[in-house]
Structure formats: C-alpha cells, structure tokens
Amino acid sequence: MELQVIQNKIFEVRGLRIMIDFHLAELYQVETRALKQAVRRNIERFPSDFMFELTNEEAIQLINTGVSQSVIPSGYNIGASKIFAFSEQGVSMLSSVLRSKIAIEINISIMRAFVALRQYALGYAELSQRLENFMLETNMQFNEVYQALTELASIKELENKSRKRVGFVREEE
C-alpha cells in the first residue's frame, strides 16, 4: 500500500496522531461495524492512549478541516455512532485483534507511515532549530556591526567638534 494514501488518513486530535475507525476498516477491508465489534470484544487491549471515542465536537472539527471530504464519509451520522480514534499503538494492537493476512500487511504499511511522519517531524524540528540558531548568530553579528558603527560615529563627532584654541593670545593695539 502506498504510504501517501495512509499518511493522508492520519490526523492530529488531542495532541496525538490518530487514524479513524472507518479508514482503518476500509484499509483492512472489513466493515466498520466488524472492526468496532472486534475492538469491543478485546477492549482491555485498548487503553485510552491506544483508542478513544471522538466527541461530537472533535468529529465536527475534523469535518471543518480543509480535508473534510476524506475525513468523514458522506452520510455518516456523527451523533448516532461514536467514532473510534486509534493512536499508533492502538493501530498496532489492532493487528492482534484482526488476524487476517490483509490486516498484517496493511498494519506494516501503517506503521511505516507513522514512522515516516515522525521522521519528517524530527527533520522539520532539526531544520527549525538550525534556522533559529542562524537567526541568533546573524542578530549577534548585526549587533556587533551596529556597535562598531556607533563607536565610529562618536569618534567622527569628536573630530568634527570645534575646539578652543590653546596657547597665547595676542592683543592687538
């Protein structure tokens, strides 16, 4: 399975990267109802940091994101059935609940997608840190140049200042 397809189905909710039940069901080629049923039968495998139900507000917020068409399928009644959200660990746990060959293959692809996103995020953070360091260094250099120019300007000002004449002044007769 292409990583980009999976990455487009990973969203951020409550500060976690998650996948939604019907996207997972679609990838695993099972009905959403069957996936939820398997999870409920094995609920002890899914603590709250592995799987949680989206609130209506969170579901609506996903709809209102720029990718609403691909997040919540048309005709999905948000209030009727809670949407399960699975973290990376929850998706991994699904492979032990859904034991088909397809589930194993798709699960491997999903894990690779999560890893790719994490590497991208780390690369971005590293690039951001380098940019911040560059900006600090550049600001320090500009400050040094500004200080030098200020000193030169004050020296020039002293040179151009009119001076009192020193020495013997003769009176004219």
Foldseek 3Di string as FASTA:
>chain_A
DDLVVLLVQWDADPNFTWGKQCVLCVQLVHHSVVLVVLCVVVVVQAPPQFKDWDDLVRLVVCCPPPPNCVHDPPPDDPVPDTIMIGGLSNLVSSCVSDVDPSSVVSNVSNNVSVVVVVVVVVVVVVVVVVVVVVVVVVVVVVVVVVVVVVVVVVVVVVVPDDDDDDDDDDDDD
